[in-house]
Amino acid sequence: MNNTTISVIMLTFNREQYISRAIESVLCQTFPDFEFIIIDNGSTDRSGAIARSYAQKDGRITVASIPKSTIAAGRNCGIRLSEGQFITFLDDDDWIEPDMLEYLYGLAMEHKADISLCGSYKVVDGIVLPNCIFEERLVMGPAEAVVTLLKRKKYNAGMPTKLFARWLLEEFPFCENSIYDDIAVIYKLLAAARCTAGEGKPKYYCYRHPGNHSVFTTNDAFLSPAQLDEYFNVFRDRTEYLSAVLPEIADYARYSEWSYQISMCNKIMRNRLTDCREQLSYAVRELTKHQEEFYHSPYIEPFEQEYMRQYILCPGGCDL
């Protein structure tokens, strides 16, 4: 029987300039019953040494070193080492408010939720910007929680800002050959959770800098063929999975996949990303095949219809 309430898992790789800030933000939490699992993912700088120095002074910290691997493999390792009834994740260049664990656990307990979530800030060039902040309290079943994710307005696919019941991450581990570990599993977690409770008060700080794994989220010019290939493949699998598990939202899942494809057409064309010609061709083929259904979807946004007219319905619209 697990006695620890919350396990905080952080993977680190060559973040010696940031890791102390991340660690100290966890150690000053108002919620007392947690353990902190740090996985040193083959760092070649002082990140692992810094983490071990904190562990020597605070028994709540466990540090494990593994050979350089994917984020997914590191997080799965952290889950295996952890004992918490609930699990949350922190990126090693980010930090959290002192009451984040207390806040997320309170939401989960109040609503008997398997997942709870909060809002966040995004810090870019020293400027603190709102990121996934909303005012209302959300108490959602599986279908509503997944559709809200697909709308990409109140919360995103990232593991941080969310508290998960342990059984969810044991039943749906991260795919270890994936570049982007979160997008391939988050929809499965939300679809399986009996209840997801969320309130968008910002309790997490996402620090954006050129070394970020997800730097493309703030600069379209960093989109790469590998990133696009993985997203296209994952979203294809997502549509098929959700159509089978939650058939009542199958039409929205299909729309969401096409929405991403037309958005990428626009980003590739606008930024003249010639390395992504193959990925552009794939998106154009898929959108051409489904143009009637997508263009006349009840969910489509006006700007998406404009992109369709510009890039798909107009001959030569996607000549790069």
C-alpha atoms as a PDB file:
ATOM      1  CA  MET A   1       0.000   0.000   0.000  1.00  0.00           C
ATOM      2  CA  ASN A   2       1.392   3.409  -1.011  1.00  0.00           C
ATOM      3  CA  ASN A   3       1.816   5.786   1.915  1.00  0.00           C
ATOM      4  CA  THR A   4       3.059   8.797  -0.070  1.00  0.00           C
ATOM      5  CA  THR A   5       0.295  11.006  -1.401  1.00  0.00           C
ATOM      6  CA  ILE A   6       2.035  12.740  -4.320  1.00  0.00           C
ATOM      7  CA  SER A   7       5.111  11.880  -6.369  1.00  0.00           C
ATOM      8  CA  VAL A   8       6.711  14.753  -8.271  1.00  0.00           C
ATOM      9  CA  ILE A   9       8.780  13.441 -11.192  1.00  0.00           C
ATOM     10  CA  MET A  10      11.373  15.548 -12.999  1.00  0.00           C
ATOM     11  CA  LEU A  11      13.651  14.463 -15.799  1.00  0.00           C
ATOM     12  CA  THR A  12      16.830  16.505 -16.221  1.00  0.00           C
ATOM     13  CA  PHE A  13      19.399  16.764 -18.976  1.00  0.00           C
ATOM     14  CA  ASN A  14      22.084  19.468 -19.063  1.00  0.00           C
ATOM     15  CA  ARG A  15      20.154  22.141 -17.207  1.00  0.00           C
ATOM     16  CA  GLU A  16      22.734  23.155 -14.620  1.00  0.00           C
ATOM     17  CA  GLN A  17      21.743  26.827 -14.955  1.00  0.00           C
ATOM     18  CA  TYR A  18      18.053  26.141 -14.246  1.00  0.00           C
ATOM     19  CA  ILE A  19      17.727  23.000 -12.140  1.00  0.00           C
ATOM     20  CA  SER A  20      18.193  24.613  -8.714  1.00  0.00           C
ATOM     21  CA  ARG A  21      15.260  26.944  -9.334  1.00  0.00           C
ATOM     22  CA  ALA A  22      13.062  23.966 -10.284  1.00  0.00           C
ATOM     23  CA  ILE A  23      14.110  21.893  -7.269  1.00  0.00           C
ATOM     24  CA  GLU A  24      13.679  24.695  -4.753  1.00  0.00           C
ATOM     25  CA  SER A  25      10.185  25.457  -6.053  1.00  0.00           C
ATOM     26  CA  VAL A  26       9.205  21.886  -5.139  1.00  0.00           C
ATOM     27  CA  LEU A  27      10.908  21.841  -1.758  1.00  0.00           C
ATOM     28  CA  CYS A  28       8.978  24.907  -0.585  1.00  0.00           C
ATOM     29  CA  GLN A  29       5.540  23.403  -1.282  1.00  0.00           C
ATOM     30  CA  THR A  30       2.804  24.002   1.282  1.00  0.00           C
ATOM     31  CA  PHE A  31       1.574  20.418   0.780  1.00  0.00           C
ATOM     32  CA  PRO A  32       3.806  18.311   3.031  1.00  0.00           C
ATOM     33  CA  ASP A  33       3.244  14.719   1.887  1.00  0.00           C
ATOM     34  CA  PHE A  34       5.234  14.321  -1.313  1.00  0.00           C
ATOM     35  CA  GLU A  35       8.337  12.667  -2.693  1.00  0.00           C
ATOM     36  CA  PHE A  36      10.501  14.136  -5.430  1.00  0.00           C
ATOM     37  CA  ILE A  37      11.951  11.739  -8.011  1.00  0.00           C
ATOM     38  CA  ILE A  38      14.669  13.255 -10.216  1.00  0.00           C
ATOM     39  CA  ILE A  39      15.906  11.254 -13.201  1.00  0.00           C
ATOM     40  CA  ASP A  40      19.302  12.356 -14.510  1.00  0.00           C
ATOM     41  CA  ASN A  41      18.967  11.504 -18.198  1.00  0.00           C
ATOM     42  CA  GLY A  42      22.644  11.161 -19.044  1.00  0.00           C
ATOM     43  CA  SER A  43      23.639  14.758 -18.300  1.00  0.00           C
ATOM     44  CA  THR A  44      27.166  15.756 -19.268  1.00  0.00           C
ATOM     45  CA  ASP A  45      27.126  18.940 -17.176  1.00  0.00           C
ATOM     46  CA  ARG A  46      26.575  19.400 -13.415  1.00  0.00           C
ATOM     47  CA  SER A  47      22.798  18.803 -13.460  1.00  0.00           C
ATOM     48  CA  GLY A  48      23.050  15.365 -11.863  1.00  0.00           C
ATOM     49  CA  ALA A  49      25.566  16.533  -9.271  1.00  0.00           C
ATOM     50  CA  ILE A  50      23.381  19.482  -8.312  1.00  0.00           C
ATOM     51  CA  ALA A  51      20.363  17.203  -7.914  1.00  0.00           C
ATOM     52  CA  ARG A  52      22.350  14.763  -5.744  1.00  0.00           C
ATOM     53  CA  SER A  53      23.566  17.605  -3.545  1.00  0.00           C
ATOM     54  CA  TYR A  54      19.948  18.516  -2.784  1.00  0.00           C
ATOM     55  CA  ALA A  55      19.113  14.854  -2.138  1.00  0.00           C
ATOM     56  CA  GLN A  56      21.860  14.657   0.492  1.00  0.00           C
ATOM     57  CA  LYS A  57      20.164  17.475   2.396  1.00  0.00           C
ATOM     58  CA  ASP A  58      16.490  16.510   1.903  1.00  0.00           C
ATOM     59  CA  GLY A  59      15.226  12.960   2.306  1.00  0.00           C
ATOM     60  CA  ARG A  60      12.183  13.610   0.135  1.00  0.00           C
ATOM     61  CA  ILE A  61      14.420  13.630  -2.941  1.00  0.00           C
ATOM     62  CA  THR A  62      15.508  10.500  -4.806  1.00  0.00           C
ATOM     63  CA  VAL A  63      17.936  10.835  -7.717  1.00  0.00           C
ATOM     64  CA  ALA A  64      18.462   8.088 -10.292  1.00  0.00           C
ATOM     65  CA  SER A  65      20.879   8.253 -13.221  1.00  0.00           C
ATOM     66  CA  ILE A  66      20.141   6.554 -16.534  1.00  0.00           C
ATOM     67  CA  PRO A  67      21.928   6.520 -19.910  1.00  0.00           C
ATOM     68  CA  LYS A  68      20.690   9.234 -22.282  1.00  0.00           C
ATOM     69  CA  SER A  69      17.267   8.199 -23.477  1.00  0.00           C
ATOM     70  CA  THR A  70      13.929   9.660 -24.533  1.00  0.00           C
ATOM     71  CA  ILE A  71      11.826  11.814 -22.229  1.00  0.00           C
ATOM     72  CA  ALA A  72       9.225   9.040 -22.247  1.00  0.00           C
ATOM     73  CA  ALA A  73      11.713   6.408 -21.056  1.00  0.00           C
ATOM     74  CA  GLY A  74      12.920   8.715 -18.296  1.00  0.00           C
ATOM     75  CA  ARG A  75       9.415   9.453 -17.107  1.00  0.00           C
ATOM     76  CA  ASN A  76       8.486   5.760 -17.126  1.00  0.00           C
ATOM     77  CA  CYS A  77      11.581   5.124 -15.009  1.00  0.00           C
ATOM     78  CA  GLY A  78      10.438   7.808 -12.574  1.00  0.00           C
ATOM     79  CA  ILE A  79       6.981   6.264 -12.338  1.00  0.00           C
ATOM     80  CA  ARG A  80       8.465   2.841 -11.536  1.00  0.00           C
ATOM     81  CA  LEU A  81      10.582   4.347  -8.750  1.00  0.00           C
ATOM     82  CA  SER A  82       7.724   6.390  -7.298  1.00  0.00           C
ATOM     83  CA  GLU A  83       5.256   5.419  -4.589  1.00  0.00           C
ATOM     84  CA  GLY A  84       2.682   8.218  -4.701  1.00  0.00           C
ATOM     85  CA  GLN A  85      -1.036   7.702  -5.005  1.00  0.00           C
ATOM     86  CA  PHE A  86      -0.962  10.676  -7.395  1.00  0.00           C
ATOM     87  CA  ILE A  87       1.794  11.725  -9.805  1.00  0.00           C
ATOM     88  CA  THR A  88       2.698  15.058 -11.353  1.00  0.00           C
ATOM     89  CA  PHE A  89       5.554  16.185 -13.595  1.00  0.00           C
ATOM     90  CA  LEU A  90       7.876  19.177 -13.636  1.00  0.00           C
ATOM     91  CA  ASP A  91      10.251  20.171 -16.442  1.00  0.00           C
ATOM     92  CA  ASP A  92      13.761  20.982 -15.250  1.00  0.00           C
ATOM     93  CA  ASP A  93      13.786  24.517 -16.666  1.00  0.00           C
ATOM     94  CA  ASP A  94      10.391  25.446 -15.203  1.00  0.00           C
ATOM     95  CA  TRP A  95       9.135  26.142 -11.682  1.00  0.00           C
ATOM     96  CA  ILE A  96       5.918  26.024  -9.664  1.00  0.00           C
ATOM     97  CA  GLU A  97       4.021  28.157  -7.182  1.00  0.00           C
ATOM     98  CA  PRO A  98       4.424  27.087  -3.520  1.00  0.00           C
ATOM     99  CA  ASP A  99       0.802  25.930  -3.307  1.00  0.00           C
ATOM    100  CA  MET A 100       0.529  24.027  -6.605  1.00  0.00           C
ATOM    101  CA  LEU A 101       0.500  20.537  -5.090  1.00  0.00           C
ATOM    102  CA  GLU A 102      -1.995  21.589  -2.417  1.00  0.00           C
ATOM    103  CA  TYR A 103      -4.185  23.183  -5.069  1.00  0.00           C
ATOM    104  CA  LEU A 104      -4.189  20.192  -7.445  1.00  0.00           C
ATOM    105  CA  TYR A 105      -4.734  17.677  -4.654  1.00  0.00           C
ATOM    106  CA  GLY A 106      -7.605  19.749  -3.275  1.00  0.00           C
ATOM    107  CA  LEU A 107      -9.314  19.753  -6.670  1.00  0.00           C
ATOM    108  CA  ALA A 108      -8.885  15.990  -6.993  1.00  0.00           C
ATOM    109  CA  MET A 109     -10.264  15.303  -3.522  1.00  0.00           C
ATOM    110  CA  GLU A 110     -13.177  17.719  -3.787  1.00  0.00           C
ATOM    111  CA  HIS A 111     -14.439  16.213  -7.037  1.00  0.00           C
ATOM    112  CA  LYS A 112     -13.159  12.622  -6.629  1.00  0.00           C
ATOM    113  CA  ALA A 113     -11.182  13.229  -9.819  1.00  0.00           C
ATOM    114  CA  ASP A 114      -8.559  10.964 -11.374  1.00  0.00           C
ATOM    115  CA  ILE A 115      -6.973  14.019 -13.036  1.00  0.00           C
ATOM    116  CA  SER A 116      -6.815  17.601 -11.805  1.00  0.00           C
ATOM    117  CA  LEU A 117      -5.228  20.520 -13.605  1.00  0.00           C
ATOM    118  CA  CYS A 118      -4.400  24.203 -13.263  1.00  0.00           C
ATOM    119  CA  GLY A 119      -3.336  27.098 -15.463  1.00  0.00           C
ATOM    120  CA  SER A 120       0.159  28.382 -16.135  1.00  0.00           C
ATOM    121  CA  TYR A 121       2.299  31.287 -17.182  1.00  0.00           C
ATOM    122  CA  LYS A 122       4.717  31.308 -20.104  1.00  0.00           C
ATOM    123  CA  VAL A 123       7.948  33.230 -19.567  1.00  0.00           C
ATOM    124  CA  VAL A 124       9.486  34.485 -22.837  1.00  0.00           C
ATOM    125  CA  ASP A 125      12.454  36.885 -22.896  1.00  0.00           C
ATOM    126  CA  GLY A 126      11.783  37.790 -19.273  1.00  0.00           C
ATOM    127  CA  ILE A 127       8.130  38.643 -19.945  1.00  0.00           C
ATOM    128  CA  VAL A 128       5.483  36.671 -18.037  1.00  0.00           C
ATOM    129  CA  LEU A 129       2.539  35.861 -20.305  1.00  0.00           C
ATOM    130  CA  PRO A 130      -0.762  34.057 -19.581  1.00  0.00           C
ATOM    131  CA  ASN A 131      -0.811  30.468 -20.802  1.00  0.00           C
ATOM    132  CA  CYS A 132      -3.872  28.249 -20.441  1.00  0.00           C
ATOM    133  CA  ILE A 133      -5.546  30.494 -17.866  1.00  0.00           C
ATOM    134  CA  PHE A 134      -9.321  30.337 -17.424  1.00  0.00           C
ATOM    135  CA  GLU A 135     -11.713  31.321 -14.660  1.00  0.00           C
ATOM    136  CA  GLU A 136     -14.423  28.684 -14.479  1.00  0.00           C
ATOM    137  CA  ARG A 137     -14.242  25.388 -12.574  1.00  0.00           C
ATOM    138  CA  LEU A 138     -14.399  22.417 -14.927  1.00  0.00           C
ATOM    139  CA  VAL A 139     -15.686  19.055 -13.684  1.00  0.00           C
ATOM    140  CA  MET A 140     -15.718  16.773 -16.712  1.00  0.00           C
ATOM    141  CA  GLY A 141     -16.422  13.244 -17.769  1.00  0.00           C
ATOM    142  CA  PRO A 142     -14.200  11.550 -20.369  1.00  0.00           C
ATOM    143  CA  ALA A 143     -15.838  12.923 -23.536  1.00  0.00           C
ATOM    144  CA  GLU A 144     -15.913  16.540 -22.359  1.00  0.00           C
ATOM    145  CA  ALA A 145     -12.354  16.364 -21.038  1.00  0.00           C
ATOM    146  CA  VAL A 146     -11.023  15.054 -24.363  1.00  0.00           C
ATOM    147  CA  VAL A 147     -12.949  17.563 -26.491  1.00  0.00           C
ATOM    148  CA  THR A 148     -11.704  20.404 -24.288  1.00  0.00           C
ATOM    149  CA  LEU A 149      -8.155  19.151 -24.877  1.00  0.00           C
ATOM    150  CA  LEU A 150      -8.730  19.002 -28.637  1.00  0.00           C
ATOM    151  CA  LYS A 151      -9.974  22.596 -28.635  1.00  0.00           C
ATOM    152  CA  ARG A 152      -6.526  23.663 -27.314  1.00  0.00           C
ATOM    153  CA  LYS A 153      -7.860  26.715 -25.466  1.00  0.00           C
ATOM    154  CA  LYS A 154      -8.134  25.866 -21.761  1.00  0.00           C
ATOM    155  CA  TYR A 155      -5.351  23.269 -21.423  1.00  0.00           C
ATOM    156  CA  ASN A 156      -2.859  21.477 -23.618  1.00  0.00           C
ATOM    157  CA  ALA A 157      -1.215  18.070 -23.918  1.00  0.00           C
ATOM    158  CA  GLY A 158       1.712  18.822 -21.620  1.00  0.00           C
ATOM    159  CA  MET A 159       2.181  16.638 -18.547  1.00  0.00           C
ATOM    160  CA  PRO A 160       3.067  19.526 -16.199  1.00  0.00           C
ATOM    161  CA  THR A 161       0.139  21.433 -14.591  1.00  0.00           C
ATOM    162  CA  LYS A 162      -1.699  18.107 -14.149  1.00  0.00           C
ATOM    163  CA  LEU A 163      -2.038  15.642 -11.280  1.00  0.00           C
ATOM    164  CA  PHE A 164      -2.773  12.026 -12.281  1.00  0.00           C
ATOM    165  CA  ALA A 165      -4.097   9.122 -10.261  1.00  0.00           C
ATOM    166  CA  ARG A 166      -1.333   6.541 -10.239  1.00  0.00           C
ATOM    167  CA  TRP A 167      -3.390   3.796 -11.877  1.00  0.00           C
ATOM    168  CA  LEU A 168      -3.785   5.868 -15.045  1.00  0.00           C
ATOM    169  CA  LEU A 169      -0.038   6.126 -15.689  1.00  0.00           C
ATOM    170  CA  GLU A 170       0.445   2.445 -14.878  1.00  0.00           C
ATOM    171  CA  GLU A 171      -2.265   1.463 -17.345  1.00  0.00           C
ATOM    172  CA  PHE A 172      -1.111   3.922 -20.036  1.00  0.00           C
ATOM    173  CA  PRO A 173       2.696   4.279 -19.865  1.00  0.00           C
ATOM    174  CA  PHE A 174       4.577   6.670 -22.113  1.00  0.00           C
ATOM    175  CA  CYS A 175       5.580   5.413 -25.557  1.00  0.00           C
ATOM    176  CA  GLU A 176       9.364   5.231 -25.239  1.00  0.00           C
ATOM    177  CA  ASN A 177      10.229   5.551 -28.939  1.00  0.00           C
ATOM    178  CA  SER A 178       8.306   8.805 -29.186  1.00  0.00           C
ATOM    179  CA  ILE A 179      10.021  12.180 -29.549  1.00  0.00           C
ATOM    180  CA  TYR A 180       7.115  14.017 -27.933  1.00  0.00           C
ATOM    181  CA  ASP A 181       5.953  11.813 -25.084  1.00  0.00           C
ATOM    182  CA  ASP A 182       2.862  13.776 -24.063  1.00  0.00           C
ATOM    183  CA  ILE A 183       0.807  13.956 -27.268  1.00  0.00           C
ATOM    184  CA  ALA A 184       0.654  10.168 -27.661  1.00  0.00           C
ATOM    185  CA  VAL A 185      -0.759   9.457 -24.199  1.00  0.00           C
ATOM    186  CA  ILE A 186      -2.661  12.455 -22.798  1.00  0.00           C
ATOM    187  CA  TYR A 187      -5.871  11.797 -24.735  1.00  0.00           C
ATOM    188  CA  LYS A 188      -5.876   8.189 -23.508  1.00  0.00           C
ATOM    189  CA  LEU A 189      -5.501   9.347 -19.906  1.00  0.00           C
ATOM    190  CA  LEU A 190      -8.356  11.837 -20.215  1.00  0.00           C
ATOM    191  CA  ALA A 191     -10.544   9.274 -21.973  1.00  0.00           C
ATOM    192  CA  ALA A 192      -9.959   6.741 -19.177  1.00  0.00           C
ATOM    193  CA  ALA A 193     -10.283   9.112 -16.210  1.00  0.00           C
ATOM    194  CA  ARG A 194     -13.664   8.840 -14.525  1.00  0.00           C
ATOM    195  CA  CYS A 195     -13.542  12.546 -13.716  1.00  0.00           C
ATOM    196  CA  THR A 196     -11.197  15.397 -14.626  1.00  0.00           C
ATOM    197  CA  ALA A 197     -11.371  18.574 -12.531  1.00  0.00           C
ATOM    198  CA  GLY A 198      -9.707  21.767 -13.624  1.00  0.00           C
ATOM    199  CA  GLU A 199      -9.490  25.424 -12.766  1.00  0.00           C
ATOM    200  CA  GLY A 200      -7.201  27.726 -14.687  1.00  0.00           C
ATOM    201  CA  LYS A 201      -5.501  29.555 -11.833  1.00  0.00           C
ATOM    202  CA  PRO A 202      -1.833  29.818 -12.881  1.00  0.00           C
ATOM    203  CA  LYS A 203       0.380  27.718 -10.619  1.00  0.00           C
ATOM    204  CA  TYR A 204       3.102  26.708 -13.089  1.00  0.00           C
ATOM    205  CA  TYR A 205       5.747  28.717 -14.976  1.00  0.00           C
ATOM    206  CA  CYS A 206       6.873  27.473 -18.405  1.00  0.00           C
ATOM    207  CA  TYR A 207      10.252  28.984 -19.208  1.00  0.00           C
ATOM    208  CA  ARG A 208      10.794  29.336 -22.953  1.00  0.00           C
ATOM    209  CA  HIS A 209      14.327  29.577 -24.339  1.00  0.00           C
ATOM    210  CA  PRO A 210      16.203  28.350 -27.445  1.00  0.00           C
ATOM    211  CA  GLY A 211      17.179  25.087 -25.744  1.00  0.00           C
ATOM    212  CA  ASN A 212      13.593  24.018 -25.054  1.00  0.00           C
ATOM    213  CA  HIS A 213      12.499  20.620 -26.317  1.00  0.00           C
ATOM    214  CA  SER A 214       9.274  22.330 -27.426  1.00  0.00           C
ATOM    215  CA  VAL A 215      10.792  25.549 -28.780  1.00  0.00           C
ATOM    216  CA  PHE A 216       8.574  25.257 -31.877  1.00  0.00           C
ATOM    217  CA  THR A 217       5.577  26.217 -29.716  1.00  0.00           C
ATOM    218  CA  THR A 218       6.798  29.815 -29.591  1.00  0.00           C
ATOM    219  CA  ASN A 219       8.592  30.034 -32.951  1.00  0.00           C
ATOM    220  CA  ASP A 220       7.095  28.396 -36.040  1.00  0.00           C
ATOM    221  CA  ALA A 221      10.451  28.635 -37.813  1.00  0.00           C
ATOM    222  CA  PHE A 222      11.684  25.769 -35.618  1.00  0.00           C
ATOM    223  CA  LEU A 223       9.113  23.304 -36.986  1.00  0.00           C
ATOM    224  CA  SER A 224      10.958  20.259 -38.313  1.00  0.00           C
ATOM    225  CA  PRO A 225      10.077  17.302 -40.550  1.00  0.00           C
ATOM    226  CA  ALA A 226      10.567  14.889 -37.622  1.00  0.00           C
ATOM    227  CA  GLN A 227       8.231  16.883 -35.384  1.00  0.00           C
ATOM    228  CA  LEU A 228       5.555  17.133 -38.051  1.00  0.00           C
ATOM    229  CA  ASP A 229       5.814  13.436 -38.928  1.00  0.00           C
ATOM    230  CA  GLU A 230       5.312  12.443 -35.313  1.00  0.00           C
ATOM    231  CA  TYR A 231       2.367  14.779 -34.804  1.00  0.00           C
ATOM    232  CA  PHE A 232       0.678  13.645 -38.017  1.00  0.00           C
ATOM    233  CA  ASN A 233       1.104   9.973 -37.054  1.00  0.00           C
ATOM    234  CA  VAL A 234      -0.012  10.472 -33.456  1.00  0.00           C
ATOM    235  CA  PHE A 235      -3.068  12.470 -34.471  1.00  0.00           C
ATOM    236  CA  ARG A 236      -4.019   9.760 -36.999  1.00  0.00           C
ATOM    237  CA  ASP A 237      -3.798   7.166 -34.201  1.00  0.00           C
ATOM    238  CA  ARG A 238      -5.677   9.529 -31.873  1.00  0.00           C
ATOM    239  CA  THR A 239      -8.609   9.847 -34.261  1.00  0.00           C
ATOM    240  CA  GLU A 240      -8.886   6.083 -34.620  1.00  0.00           C
ATOM    241  CA  TYR A 241      -8.571   5.466 -30.871  1.00  0.00           C
ATOM    242  CA  LEU A 242     -11.108   8.071 -29.816  1.00  0.00           C
ATOM    243  CA  SER A 243     -13.559   7.005 -32.511  1.00  0.00           C
ATOM    244  CA  ALA A 244     -13.498   3.510 -31.009  1.00  0.00           C
ATOM    245  CA  VAL A 245     -13.413   4.398 -27.290  1.00  0.00           C
ATOM    246  CA  LEU A 246     -15.621   7.525 -27.353  1.00  0.00           C
ATOM    247  CA  PRO A 247     -17.686   7.221 -30.552  1.00  0.00           C
ATOM    248  CA  GLU A 248     -19.873  10.155 -29.510  1.00  0.00           C
ATOM    249  CA  ILE A 249     -16.948  12.514 -30.216  1.00  0.00           C
ATOM    250  CA  ALA A 250     -15.609  10.775 -33.336  1.00  0.00           C
ATOM    251  CA  ASP A 251     -16.670  13.639 -35.605  1.00  0.00           C
ATOM    252  CA  TYR A 252     -14.850  16.177 -33.451  1.00  0.00           C
ATOM    253  CA  ALA A 253     -11.745  13.990 -33.341  1.00  0.00           C
ATOM    254  CA  ARG A 254     -11.693  13.855 -37.149  1.00  0.00           C
ATOM    255  CA  TYR A 255     -12.199  17.617 -37.382  1.00  0.00           C
ATOM    256  CA  SER A 256      -9.369  18.200 -34.915  1.00  0.00           C
ATOM    257  CA  GLU A 257      -6.933  16.155 -37.018  1.00  0.00           C
ATOM    258  CA  TRP A 258      -7.791  18.138 -40.165  1.00  0.00           C
ATOM    259  CA  SER A 259      -7.593  21.382 -38.188  1.00  0.00           C
ATOM    260  CA  TYR A 260      -3.992  20.589 -37.275  1.00  0.00           C
ATOM    261  CA  GLN A 261      -3.156  19.708 -40.880  1.00  0.00           C
ATOM    262  CA  ILE A 262      -4.461  22.973 -42.318  1.00  0.00           C
ATOM    263  CA  SER A 263      -2.719  24.923 -39.554  1.00  0.00           C
ATOM    264  CA  MET A 264       0.576  23.266 -40.510  1.00  0.00           C
ATOM    265  CA  CYS A 265      -0.011  24.063 -44.192  1.00  0.00           C
ATOM    266  CA  ASN A 266      -0.276  27.715 -43.245  1.00  0.00           C
ATOM    267  CA  LYS A 267       2.805  27.641 -40.998  1.00  0.00           C
ATOM    268  CA  ILE A 268       4.957  25.832 -43.566  1.00  0.00           C
ATOM    269  CA  MET A 269       3.923  28.183 -46.344  1.00  0.00           C
ATOM    270  CA  ARG A 270       4.115  31.380 -44.300  1.00  0.00           C
ATOM    271  CA  ASN A 271       7.602  30.554 -43.022  1.00  0.00           C
ATOM    272  CA  ARG A 272       8.808  29.042 -46.315  1.00  0.00           C
ATOM    273  CA  LEU A 273       9.917  25.842 -44.569  1.00  0.00           C
ATOM    274  CA  THR A 274      11.338  24.093 -47.613  1.00  0.00           C
ATOM    275  CA  ASP A 275      12.655  21.194 -45.517  1.00  0.00           C
ATOM    276  CA  CYS A 276       9.020  20.310 -44.778  1.00  0.00           C
ATOM    277  CA  ARG A 277       7.881  19.842 -48.383  1.00  0.00           C
ATOM    278  CA  GLU A 278       7.129  16.151 -47.850  1.00  0.00           C
ATOM    279  CA  GLN A 279       5.026  16.895 -44.774  1.00  0.00           C
ATOM    280  CA  LEU A 280       3.223  19.664 -46.646  1.00  0.00           C
ATOM    281  CA  SER A 281       2.390  17.232 -49.447  1.00  0.00           C
ATOM    282  CA  TYR A 282       0.965  14.759 -46.937  1.00  0.00           C
ATOM    283  CA  ALA A 283      -1.276  17.390 -45.343  1.00  0.00           C
ATOM    284  CA  VAL A 284      -2.472  18.601 -48.749  1.00  0.00           C
ATOM    285  CA  ARG A 285      -3.344  15.055 -49.825  1.00  0.00           C
ATOM    286  CA  GLU A 286      -5.323  14.387 -46.650  1.00  0.00           C
ATOM    287  CA  LEU A 287      -7.169  17.692 -46.766  1.00  0.00           C
ATOM    288  CA  THR A 288      -7.962  17.312 -50.455  1.00  0.00           C
ATOM    289  CA  LYS A 289      -9.359  13.845 -49.783  1.00  0.00           C
ATOM    290  CA  HIS A 290     -11.626  15.176 -47.011  1.00  0.00           C
ATOM    291  CA  GLN A 291     -12.179  18.729 -48.239  1.00  0.00           C
ATOM    292  CA  GLU A 292     -15.980  18.604 -48.381  1.00  0.00           C
ATOM    293  CA  GLU A 293     -16.384  17.095 -44.919  1.00  0.00           C
ATOM    294  CA  PHE A 294     -13.841  19.441 -43.335  1.00  0.00           C
ATOM    295  CA  TYR A 295     -14.855  22.636 -45.130  1.00  0.00           C
ATOM    296  CA  HIS A 296     -18.514  22.134 -44.190  1.00  0.00           C
ATOM    297  CA  SER A 297     -17.864  20.811 -40.687  1.00  0.00           C
ATOM    298  CA  PRO A 298     -20.019  22.462 -37.998  1.00  0.00           C
ATOM    299  CA  TYR A 299     -16.834  22.947 -35.972  1.00  0.00           C
ATOM    300  CA  ILE A 300     -14.661  24.661 -38.572  1.00  0.00           C
ATOM    301  CA  GLU A 301     -13.442  28.178 -37.800  1.00  0.00           C
ATOM    302  CA  PRO A 302     -13.676  30.972 -40.381  1.00  0.00           C
ATOM    303  CA  PHE A 303      -9.889  31.286 -40.571  1.00  0.00           C
ATOM    304  CA  GLU A 304      -9.653  27.555 -41.322  1.00  0.00           C
ATOM    305  CA  GLN A 305     -12.075  27.944 -44.195  1.00  0.00           C
ATOM    306  CA  GLU A 306      -9.915  30.796 -45.466  1.00  0.00           C
ATOM    307  CA  TYR A 307      -6.803  28.609 -45.247  1.00  0.00           C
ATOM    308  CA  MET A 308      -8.671  25.883 -47.143  1.00  0.00           C
ATOM    309  CA  ARG A 309      -9.578  28.339 -49.916  1.00  0.00           C
ATOM    310  CA  GLN A 310      -6.020  29.642 -50.016  1.00  0.00           C
ATOM    311  CA  TYR A 311      -4.051  26.412 -49.881  1.00  0.00           C
ATOM    312  CA  ILE A 312      -6.349  23.521 -50.871  1.00  0.00           C
ATOM    313  CA  LEU A 313      -9.219  24.770 -53.022  1.00  0.00           C
ATOM    314  CA  CYS A 314      -7.023  27.111 -55.048  1.00  0.00           C
ATOM    315  CA  PRO A 315      -4.877  25.276 -57.669  1.00  0.00           C
ATOM    316  CA  GLY A 316      -1.214  25.703 -56.844  1.00  0.00           C
ATOM    317  CA  GLY A 317      -1.992  27.211 -53.445  1.00  0.00           C
ATOM    318  CA  CYS A 318       0.639  25.075 -51.718  1.00  0.00           C
ATOM    319  CA  ASP A 319       3.496  25.426 -54.196  1.00  0.00           C
ATOM    320  CA  LEU A 320       6.544  25.938 -52.000  1.00  0.00           C
END
